[in-house]
Protein backbone atom coordinates (compact mmCIF):
# COMPACT_ATOMS: atom_id res chain seq x y z
CA UNK A 1 0.00 0.00 0.00
CA UNK A 2 1.11 3.52 -0.63
CA UNK A 3 1.52 6.17 2.02
CA UNK A 4 -1.57 8.00 0.76
CA UNK A 5 -3.77 4.92 1.19
CA UNK A 6 -2.36 4.32 4.66
CA UNK A 7 -3.03 7.94 5.64
CA UNK A 8 -6.61 7.77 4.31
CA UNK A 9 -7.16 4.59 6.32
CA UNK A 10 -5.88 6.31 9.47
CA UNK A 11 -8.13 9.32 8.91
CA UNK A 12 -11.17 7.10 8.42
CA UNK A 13 -10.44 5.14 11.58
CA UNK A 14 -9.97 8.39 13.54
CA UNK A 15 -13.28 9.69 12.16
CA UNK A 16 -15.05 6.47 13.16
CA UNK A 17 -13.51 6.64 16.63
CA UNK A 18 -14.59 10.24 17.10
CA UNK A 19 -18.15 9.43 15.98
CA UNK A 20 -18.25 6.49 18.38
CA UNK A 21 -17.09 8.63 21.30
CA UNK A 22 -19.49 11.43 20.32
CA UNK A 23 -22.51 9.11 20.20
CA UNK A 24 -21.59 7.25 23.38
CA UNK A 25 -20.75 10.48 25.19
CA UNK A 26 -24.03 12.14 24.27
CA UNK A 27 -26.09 9.11 25.28
CA UNK A 28 -24.31 8.52 28.57
CA UNK A 29 -24.32 12.21 29.50
CA UNK A 30 -28.10 12.35 29.14
CA UNK A 31 -28.62 9.01 30.90
CA UNK A 32 -26.36 10.07 33.75
CA UNK A 33 -28.53 13.08 34.52
CA UNK A 34 -31.88 11.34 34.37
CA UNK A 35 -31.44 7.64 35.11
CA UNK A 36 -28.10 6.35 36.46
CA UNK A 37 -25.65 9.02 37.66
CA UNK A 38 -22.62 6.73 37.77
CA UNK A 39 -22.79 6.31 34.00
CA UNK A 40 -21.48 9.86 33.96
CA UNK A 41 -18.01 8.36 34.36
CA UNK A 42 -18.38 6.88 30.88
CA UNK A 43 -19.39 10.32 29.58
CA UNK A 44 -16.23 11.76 31.13
CA UNK A 45 -14.12 9.10 29.46
CA UNK A 46 -15.81 9.62 26.08
CA UNK A 47 -15.31 13.37 26.35
CA UNK A 48 -11.64 12.86 27.16
CA UNK A 49 -11.13 10.51 24.22
CA UNK A 50 -13.10 12.81 21.91
CA UNK A 51 -10.77 15.63 22.85
CA UNK A 52 -7.74 13.55 21.91
CA UNK A 53 -8.98 12.05 18.64
CA UNK A 54 -10.72 15.07 17.08
CA UNK A 55 -10.90 18.84 17.24
CA UNK A 56 -14.26 18.94 19.03
CA UNK A 57 -12.95 20.44 22.25
CA UNK A 58 -16.18 22.26 23.14
CA UNK A 59 -18.27 19.12 22.74
CA UNK A 60 -15.78 17.09 24.73
CA UNK A 61 -15.82 19.71 27.51
CA UNK A 62 -19.64 19.53 27.63
CA UNK A 63 -19.54 15.73 27.96
CA UNK A 64 -16.91 15.88 30.70
CA UNK A 65 -18.79 18.57 32.63
CA UNK A 66 -22.19 16.86 32.32
CA UNK A 67 -20.84 13.46 33.36
CA UNK A 68 -18.70 14.77 36.20
CA UNK A 69 -21.43 17.01 37.57
CA UNK A 70 -23.93 14.13 37.57
CA UNK A 71 -21.51 11.93 39.51
CA UNK A 72 -20.61 14.73 41.96
CA UNK A 73 -24.28 15.55 42.55
CA UNK A 74 -25.03 11.89 43.15
CA UNK A 75 -22.28 11.51 45.73
CA UNK A 76 -23.25 14.78 47.39
CA UNK A 77 -26.89 13.79 47.85
CA UNK A 78 -26.10 10.22 48.89
CA UNK A 79 -23.25 10.81 51.33
CA UNK A 80 -23.52 14.42 52.51
CA UNK A 81 -27.12 15.61 52.31
PDB file of N, CA and C in Angstrom:
ATOM      1  N   UNK A   1       0.836  -1.183   0.000  1.00  0.00           N
ATOM      2  CA  UNK A   1       0.000   0.000   0.000  1.00  0.00           C
ATOM      3  C   UNK A   1       0.875   1.238   0.000  1.00  0.00           C
ATOM      4  N   UNK A   2       0.351   2.264  -0.596  1.00  0.00           N
ATOM      5  CA  UNK A   2       1.106   3.515  -0.628  1.00  0.00           C
ATOM      6  C   UNK A   2       0.872   4.300   0.660  1.00  0.00           C
ATOM      7  N   UNK A   3       1.674   5.328   0.833  1.00  0.00           N
ATOM      8  CA  UNK A   3       1.524   6.171   2.019  1.00  0.00           C
ATOM      9  C   UNK A   3       0.191   6.901   2.024  1.00  0.00           C
ATOM     10  N   UNK A   4      -0.294   7.282   0.848  1.00  0.00           N
ATOM     11  CA  UNK A   4      -1.573   7.995   0.763  1.00  0.00           C
ATOM     12  C   UNK A   4      -2.725   7.095   1.206  1.00  0.00           C
ATOM     13  N   UNK A   5      -2.705   5.840   0.779  1.00  0.00           N
ATOM     14  CA  UNK A   5      -3.766   4.918   1.185  1.00  0.00           C
ATOM     15  C   UNK A   5      -3.710   4.643   2.682  1.00  0.00           C
ATOM     16  N   UNK A   6      -2.518   4.540   3.226  1.00  0.00           N
ATOM     17  CA  UNK A   6      -2.363   4.323   4.660  1.00  0.00           C
ATOM     18  C   UNK A   6      -2.894   5.519   5.439  1.00  0.00           C
ATOM     19  N   UNK A   7      -2.574   6.717   4.967  1.00  0.00           N
ATOM     20  CA  UNK A   7      -3.035   7.937   5.642  1.00  0.00           C
ATOM     21  C   UNK A   7      -4.549   8.058   5.576  1.00  0.00           C
ATOM     22  N   UNK A   8      -5.145   7.723   4.437  1.00  0.00           N
ATOM     23  CA  UNK A   8      -6.609   7.767   4.310  1.00  0.00           C
ATOM     24  C   UNK A   8      -7.240   6.765   5.269  1.00  0.00           C
ATOM     25  N   UNK A   9      -6.655   5.587   5.379  1.00  0.00           N
ATOM     26  CA  UNK A   9      -7.165   4.594   6.323  1.00  0.00           C
ATOM     27  C   UNK A   9      -7.084   5.074   7.760  1.00  0.00           C
ATOM     28  N   UNK A  10      -6.006   5.764   8.109  1.00  0.00           N
ATOM     29  CA  UNK A  10      -5.876   6.308   9.466  1.00  0.00           C
ATOM     30  C   UNK A  10      -6.909   7.394   9.718  1.00  0.00           C
ATOM     31  N   UNK A  11      -7.134   8.251   8.738  1.00  0.00           N
ATOM     32  CA  UNK A  11      -8.128   9.316   8.907  1.00  0.00           C
ATOM     33  C   UNK A  11      -9.529   8.746   9.068  1.00  0.00           C
ATOM     34  N   UNK A  12      -9.853   7.716   8.289  1.00  0.00           N
ATOM     35  CA  UNK A  12     -11.168   7.097   8.417  1.00  0.00           C
ATOM     36  C   UNK A  12     -11.344   6.437   9.777  1.00  0.00           C
ATOM     37  N   UNK A  13     -10.314   5.771  10.273  1.00  0.00           N
ATOM     38  CA  UNK A  13     -10.444   5.135  11.582  1.00  0.00           C
ATOM     39  C   UNK A  13     -10.556   6.184  12.692  1.00  0.00           C
ATOM     40  N   UNK A  14      -9.836   7.304  12.557  1.00  0.00           N
ATOM     41  CA  UNK A  14      -9.965   8.385  13.543  1.00  0.00           C
ATOM     42  C   UNK A  14     -11.359   8.993  13.498  1.00  0.00           C
ATOM     43  N   UNK A  15     -11.924   9.144  12.294  1.00  0.00           N
ATOM     44  CA  UNK A  15     -13.279   9.686  12.162  1.00  0.00           C
ATOM     45  C   UNK A  15     -14.282   8.744  12.808  1.00  0.00           C
ATOM     46  N   UNK A  16     -14.133   7.438  12.562  1.00  0.00           N
ATOM     47  CA  UNK A  16     -15.052   6.473  13.155  1.00  0.00           C
ATOM     48  C   UNK A  16     -14.923   6.471  14.674  1.00  0.00           C
ATOM     49  N   UNK A  17     -13.712   6.585  15.184  1.00  0.00           N
ATOM     50  CA  UNK A  17     -13.512   6.643  16.632  1.00  0.00           C
ATOM     51  C   UNK A  17     -14.173   7.881  17.224  1.00  0.00           C
ATOM     52  N   UNK A  18     -14.012   9.019  16.559  1.00  0.00           N
ATOM     53  CA  UNK A  18     -14.594  10.243  17.096  1.00  0.00           C
ATOM     54  C   UNK A  18     -16.118  10.178  17.059  1.00  0.00           C
ATOM     55  N   UNK A  19     -16.688   9.574  16.027  1.00  0.00           N
ATOM     56  CA  UNK A  19     -18.147   9.429  15.978  1.00  0.00           C
ATOM     57  C   UNK A  19     -18.643   8.477  17.060  1.00  0.00           C
ATOM     58  N   UNK A  20     -17.888   7.429  17.318  1.00  0.00           N
ATOM     59  CA  UNK A  20     -18.252   6.495  18.379  1.00  0.00           C
ATOM     60  C   UNK A  20     -18.239   7.193  19.733  1.00  0.00           C
ATOM     61  N   UNK A  21     -17.177   7.935  20.021  1.00  0.00           N
ATOM     62  CA  UNK A  21     -17.091   8.632  21.304  1.00  0.00           C
ATOM     63  C   UNK A  21     -18.135   9.737  21.411  1.00  0.00           C
ATOM     64  N   UNK A  22     -18.458  10.386  20.303  1.00  0.00           N
ATOM     65  CA  UNK A  22     -19.486  11.430  20.318  1.00  0.00           C
ATOM     66  C   UNK A  22     -20.845  10.830  20.650  1.00  0.00           C
ATOM     67  N   UNK A  23     -21.201   9.744  19.971  1.00  0.00           N
ATOM     68  CA  UNK A  23     -22.506   9.107  20.201  1.00  0.00           C
ATOM     69  C   UNK A  23     -22.603   8.542  21.619  1.00  0.00           C
ATOM     70  N   UNK A  24     -21.572   7.833  22.029  1.00  0.00           N
ATOM     71  CA  UNK A  24     -21.592   7.247  23.377  1.00  0.00           C
ATOM     72  C   UNK A  24     -21.570   8.333  24.444  1.00  0.00           C
ATOM     73  N   UNK A  25     -20.806   9.386  24.225  1.00  0.00           N
ATOM     74  CA  UNK A  25     -20.746  10.475  25.192  1.00  0.00           C
ATOM     75  C   UNK A  25     -22.070  11.199  25.341  1.00  0.00           C
ATOM     76  N   UNK A  26     -22.732  11.456  24.215  1.00  0.00           N
ATOM     77  CA  UNK A  26     -24.029  12.135  24.274  1.00  0.00           C
ATOM     78  C   UNK A  26     -25.067  11.276  24.986  1.00  0.00           C
ATOM     79  N   UNK A  27     -25.115  10.000  24.651  1.00  0.00           N
ATOM     80  CA  UNK A  27     -26.093   9.106  25.277  1.00  0.00           C
ATOM     81  C   UNK A  27     -25.842   8.956  26.770  1.00  0.00           C
ATOM     82  N   UNK A  28     -24.597   8.735  27.146  1.00  0.00           N
ATOM     83  CA  UNK A  28     -24.311   8.524  28.567  1.00  0.00           C
ATOM     84  C   UNK A  28     -24.425   9.810  29.385  1.00  0.00           C
ATOM     85  N   UNK A  29     -24.155  10.952  28.772  1.00  0.00           N
ATOM     86  CA  UNK A  29     -24.319  12.212  29.505  1.00  0.00           C
ATOM     87  C   UNK A  29     -25.788  12.447  29.842  1.00  0.00           C
ATOM     88  N   UNK A  30     -26.664  12.168  28.898  1.00  0.00           N
ATOM     89  CA  UNK A  30     -28.101  12.348  29.144  1.00  0.00           C
ATOM     90  C   UNK A  30     -28.606  11.311  30.145  1.00  0.00           C
ATOM     91  N   UNK A  31     -28.190  10.067  29.972  1.00  0.00           N
ATOM     92  CA  UNK A  31     -28.620   9.006  30.895  1.00  0.00           C
ATOM     93  C   UNK A  31     -28.115   9.284  32.306  1.00  0.00           C
ATOM     94  N   UNK A  32     -26.913   9.827  32.417  1.00  0.00           N
ATOM     95  CA  UNK A  32     -26.359  10.067  33.754  1.00  0.00           C
ATOM     96  C   UNK A  32     -27.143  11.131  34.514  1.00  0.00           C
ATOM     97  N   UNK A  33     -27.750  12.056  33.828  1.00  0.00           N
ATOM     98  CA  UNK A  33     -28.526  13.080  34.519  1.00  0.00           C
ATOM     99  C   UNK A  33     -29.925  12.624  34.884  1.00  0.00           C
ATOM    100  N   UNK A  34     -30.485  11.687  34.133  1.00  0.00           N
ATOM    101  CA  UNK A  34     -31.880  11.340  34.366  1.00  0.00           C
ATOM    102  C   UNK A  34     -32.112   9.930  34.894  1.00  0.00           C
ATOM    103  N   UNK A  35     -31.179   9.017  34.714  1.00  0.00           N
ATOM    104  CA  UNK A  35     -31.436   7.636  35.108  1.00  0.00           C
ATOM    105  C   UNK A  35     -30.386   7.121  36.092  1.00  0.00           C
ATOM    106  N   UNK A  36     -29.153   6.952  35.642  1.00  0.00           N
ATOM    107  CA  UNK A  36     -28.099   6.351  36.460  1.00  0.00           C
ATOM    108  C   UNK A  36     -26.911   7.310  36.497  1.00  0.00           C
ATOM    109  N   UNK A  37     -26.720   8.018  37.597  1.00  0.00           N
ATOM    110  CA  UNK A  37     -25.654   9.023  37.656  1.00  0.00           C
ATOM    111  C   UNK A  37     -24.241   8.480  37.461  1.00  0.00           C
ATOM    112  N   UNK A  38     -23.982   7.259  37.880  1.00  0.00           N
ATOM    113  CA  UNK A  38     -22.619   6.732  37.772  1.00  0.00           C
ATOM    114  C   UNK A  38     -22.190   6.476  36.331  1.00  0.00           C
ATOM    115  N   UNK A  39     -23.142   6.453  35.423  1.00  0.00           N
ATOM    116  CA  UNK A  39     -22.790   6.313  34.004  1.00  0.00           C
ATOM    117  C   UNK A  39     -22.110   7.594  33.515  1.00  0.00           C
ATOM    118  N   UNK A  40     -22.176   8.632  34.302  1.00  0.00           N
ATOM    119  CA  UNK A  40     -21.475   9.863  33.964  1.00  0.00           C
ATOM    120  C   UNK A  40     -19.975   9.664  33.837  1.00  0.00           C
ATOM    121  N   UNK A  41     -19.438   8.652  34.504  1.00  0.00           N
ATOM    122  CA  UNK A  41     -18.009   8.355  34.363  1.00  0.00           C
ATOM    123  C   UNK A  41     -17.676   7.931  32.934  1.00  0.00           C
ATOM    124  N   UNK A  42     -18.591   7.249  32.278  1.00  0.00           N
ATOM    125  CA  UNK A  42     -18.384   6.885  30.877  1.00  0.00           C
ATOM    126  C   UNK A  42     -18.435   8.125  30.001  1.00  0.00           C
ATOM    127  N   UNK A  43     -19.323   9.062  30.329  1.00  0.00           N
ATOM    128  CA  UNK A  43     -19.388  10.318  29.579  1.00  0.00           C
ATOM    129  C   UNK A  43     -18.094  11.107  29.720  1.00  0.00           C
ATOM    130  N   UNK A  44     -17.521  11.081  30.913  1.00  0.00           N
ATOM    131  CA  UNK A  44     -16.234  11.758  31.128  1.00  0.00           C
ATOM    132  C   UNK A  44     -15.151  11.109  30.275  1.00  0.00           C
ATOM    133  N   UNK A  45     -15.114   9.803  30.263  1.00  0.00           N
ATOM    134  CA  UNK A  45     -14.119   9.095  29.457  1.00  0.00           C
ATOM    135  C   UNK A  45     -14.308   9.379  27.965  1.00  0.00           C
ATOM    136  N   UNK A  46     -15.546   9.347  27.502  1.00  0.00           N
ATOM    137  CA  UNK A  46     -15.810   9.619  26.082  1.00  0.00           C
ATOM    138  C   UNK A  46     -15.429  11.051  25.723  1.00  0.00           C
ATOM    139  N   UNK A  47     -15.708  11.993  26.601  1.00  0.00           N
ATOM    140  CA  UNK A  47     -15.307  13.372  26.349  1.00  0.00           C
ATOM    141  C   UNK A  47     -13.799  13.522  26.288  1.00  0.00           C
ATOM    142  N   UNK A  48     -13.106  12.824  27.161  1.00  0.00           N
ATOM    143  CA  UNK A  48     -11.642  12.865  27.159  1.00  0.00           C
ATOM    144  C   UNK A  48     -11.071  12.279  25.868  1.00  0.00           C
ATOM    145  N   UNK A  49     -11.607  11.138  25.458  1.00  0.00           N
ATOM    146  CA  UNK A  49     -11.134  10.511  24.219  1.00  0.00           C
ATOM    147  C   UNK A  49     -11.518  11.338  22.995  1.00  0.00           C
ATOM    148  N   UNK A  50     -12.683  11.954  23.024  1.00  0.00           N
ATOM    149  CA  UNK A  50     -13.104  12.809  21.907  1.00  0.00           C
ATOM    150  C   UNK A  50     -12.176  14.001  21.771  1.00  0.00           C
ATOM    151  N   UNK A  51     -11.713  14.516  22.878  1.00  0.00           N
ATOM    152  CA  UNK A  51     -10.769  15.632  22.851  1.00  0.00           C
ATOM    153  C   UNK A  51      -9.452  15.227  22.197  1.00  0.00           C
ATOM    154  N   UNK A  52      -9.025  13.995  22.444  1.00  0.00           N
ATOM    155  CA  UNK A  52      -7.741  13.551  21.914  1.00  0.00           C
ATOM    156  C   UNK A  52      -7.804  13.073  20.466  1.00  0.00           C
ATOM    157  N   UNK A  53      -8.958  12.601  19.997  1.00  0.00           N
ATOM    158  CA  UNK A  53      -8.981  12.047  18.641  1.00  0.00           C
ATOM    159  C   UNK A  53      -9.677  12.961  17.639  1.00  0.00           C
ATOM    160  N   UNK A  54     -10.129  14.137  18.048  1.00  0.00           N
ATOM    161  CA  UNK A  54     -10.717  15.075  17.082  1.00  0.00           C
ATOM    162  C   UNK A  54     -10.538  16.495  17.601  1.00  0.00           C
ATOM    163  N   UNK A  55     -11.031  17.438  16.840  1.00  0.00           N
ATOM    164  CA  UNK A  55     -10.896  18.836  17.242  1.00  0.00           C
ATOM    165  C   UNK A  55     -12.176  19.383  17.874  1.00  0.00           C
ATOM    166  N   UNK A  56     -13.006  18.530  18.385  1.00  0.00           N
ATOM    167  CA  UNK A  56     -14.263  18.943  19.026  1.00  0.00           C
ATOM    168  C   UNK A  56     -14.037  19.201  20.509  1.00  0.00           C
ATOM    169  N   UNK A  57     -13.287  20.220  20.841  1.00  0.00           N
ATOM    170  CA  UNK A  57     -12.947  20.437  22.246  1.00  0.00           C
ATOM    171  C   UNK A  57     -14.125  20.995  23.034  1.00  0.00           C
ATOM    172  N   UNK A  58     -15.011  21.743  22.409  1.00  0.00           N
ATOM    173  CA  UNK A  58     -16.180  22.264  23.140  1.00  0.00           C
ATOM    174  C   UNK A  58     -17.134  21.123  23.478  1.00  0.00           C
ATOM    175  N   UNK A  59     -17.387  20.262  22.505  1.00  0.00           N
ATOM    176  CA  UNK A  59     -18.269  19.117  22.744  1.00  0.00           C
ATOM    177  C   UNK A  59     -17.683  18.199  23.807  1.00  0.00           C
ATOM    178  N   UNK A  60     -16.391  17.964  23.732  1.00  0.00           N
ATOM    179  CA  UNK A  60     -15.785  17.093  24.734  1.00  0.00           C
ATOM    180  C   UNK A  60     -15.854  17.716  26.127  1.00  0.00           C
ATOM    181  N   UNK A  61     -15.710  19.029  26.211  1.00  0.00           N
ATOM    182  CA  UNK A  61     -15.825  19.706  27.507  1.00  0.00           C
ATOM    183  C   UNK A  61     -17.247  19.586  28.056  1.00  0.00           C
ATOM    184  N   UNK A  62     -18.240  19.677  27.192  1.00  0.00           N
ATOM    185  CA  UNK A  62     -19.638  19.529  27.633  1.00  0.00           C
ATOM    186  C   UNK A  62     -19.875  18.131  28.183  1.00  0.00           C
ATOM    187  N   UNK A  63     -19.362  17.101  27.483  1.00  0.00           N
ATOM    188  CA  UNK A  63     -19.541  15.729  27.961  1.00  0.00           C
ATOM    189  C   UNK A  63     -18.850  15.518  29.301  1.00  0.00           C
ATOM    190  N   UNK A  64     -17.651  16.040  29.438  1.00  0.00           N
ATOM    191  CA  UNK A  64     -16.913  15.882  30.700  1.00  0.00           C
ATOM    192  C   UNK A  64     -17.646  16.601  31.830  1.00  0.00           C
ATOM    193  N   UNK A  65     -18.097  17.809  31.583  1.00  0.00           N
ATOM    194  CA  UNK A  65     -18.792  18.567  32.629  1.00  0.00           C
ATOM    195  C   UNK A  65     -20.129  17.940  33.005  1.00  0.00           C
ATOM    196  N   UNK A  66     -20.895  17.493  32.020  1.00  0.00           N
ATOM    197  CA  UNK A  66     -22.192  16.860  32.324  1.00  0.00           C
ATOM    198  C   UNK A  66     -22.003  15.569  33.109  1.00  0.00           C
ATOM    199  N   UNK A  67     -21.070  14.735  32.665  1.00  0.00           N
ATOM    200  CA  UNK A  67     -20.842  13.464  33.356  1.00  0.00           C
ATOM    201  C   UNK A  67     -20.292  13.659  34.749  1.00  0.00           C
ATOM    202  N   UNK A  68     -19.309  14.541  34.884  1.00  0.00           N
ATOM    203  CA  UNK A  68     -18.702  14.768  36.197  1.00  0.00           C
ATOM    204  C   UNK A  68     -19.695  15.412  37.162  1.00  0.00           C
ATOM    205  N   UNK A  69     -20.478  16.353  36.677  1.00  0.00           N
ATOM    206  CA  UNK A  69     -21.434  17.007  37.573  1.00  0.00           C
ATOM    207  C   UNK A  69     -22.529  16.046  38.022  1.00  0.00           C
ATOM    208  N   UNK A  70     -22.934  15.123  37.159  1.00  0.00           N
ATOM    209  CA  UNK A  70     -23.933  14.133  37.574  1.00  0.00           C
ATOM    210  C   UNK A  70     -23.369  13.226  38.665  1.00  0.00           C
ATOM    211  N   UNK A  71     -22.132  12.802  38.505  1.00  0.00           N
ATOM    212  CA  UNK A  71     -21.507  11.933  39.513  1.00  0.00           C
ATOM    213  C   UNK A  71     -21.296  12.694  40.823  1.00  0.00           C
ATOM    214  N   UNK A  72     -20.832  13.933  40.750  1.00  0.00           N
ATOM    215  CA  UNK A  72     -20.610  14.734  41.958  1.00  0.00           C
ATOM    216  C   UNK A  72     -21.925  15.000  42.677  1.00  0.00           C
ATOM    217  N   UNK A  73     -22.972  15.342  41.934  1.00  0.00           N
ATOM    218  CA  UNK A  73     -24.281  15.553  42.553  1.00  0.00           C
ATOM    219  C   UNK A  73     -24.787  14.284  43.229  1.00  0.00           C
ATOM    220  N   UNK A  74     -24.595  13.164  42.579  1.00  0.00           N
ATOM    221  CA  UNK A  74     -25.035  11.892  43.154  1.00  0.00           C
ATOM    222  C   UNK A  74     -24.326  11.616  44.479  1.00  0.00           C
ATOM    223  N   UNK A  75     -23.016  11.744  44.490  1.00  0.00           N
ATOM    224  CA  UNK A  75     -22.283  11.506  45.727  1.00  0.00           C
ATOM    225  C   UNK A  75     -22.623  12.531  46.799  1.00  0.00           C
ATOM    226  N   UNK A  76     -22.879  13.763  46.416  1.00  0.00           N
ATOM    227  CA  UNK A  76     -23.251  14.777  47.393  1.00  0.00           C
ATOM    228  C   UNK A  76     -24.566  14.428  48.068  1.00  0.00           C
ATOM    229  N   UNK A  77     -25.580  14.075  47.272  1.00  0.00           N
ATOM    230  CA  UNK A  77     -26.886  13.787  47.850  1.00  0.00           C
ATOM    231  C   UNK A  77     -26.930  12.451  48.590  1.00  0.00           C
ATOM    232  N   UNK A  78     -26.096  11.510  48.218  1.00  0.00           N
ATOM    233  CA  UNK A  78     -26.099  10.217  48.888  1.00  0.00           C
ATOM    234  C   UNK A  78     -25.308  10.269  50.197  1.00  0.00           C
ATOM    235  N   UNK A  79     -24.133  10.897  50.173  1.00  0.00           N
ATOM    236  CA  UNK A  79     -23.247  10.814  51.330  1.00  0.00           C
ATOM    237  C   UNK A  79     -23.255  12.055  52.219  1.00  0.00           C
ATOM    238  N   UNK A  80     -23.624  13.199  51.712  1.00  0.00           N
ATOM    239  CA  UNK A  80     -23.523  14.423  52.508  1.00  0.00           C
ATOM    240  C   UNK A  80     -24.897  14.943  52.929  1.00  0.00           C
ATOM    241  N   UNK A  81     -25.813  15.017  52.007  1.00  0.00           N
ATOM    242  CA  UNK A  81     -27.120  15.609  52.310  1.00  0.00           C
ATOM    243  C   UNK A  81     -28.020  14.680  53.066  1.00  0.00           C
TER     244      UNK A  81
END
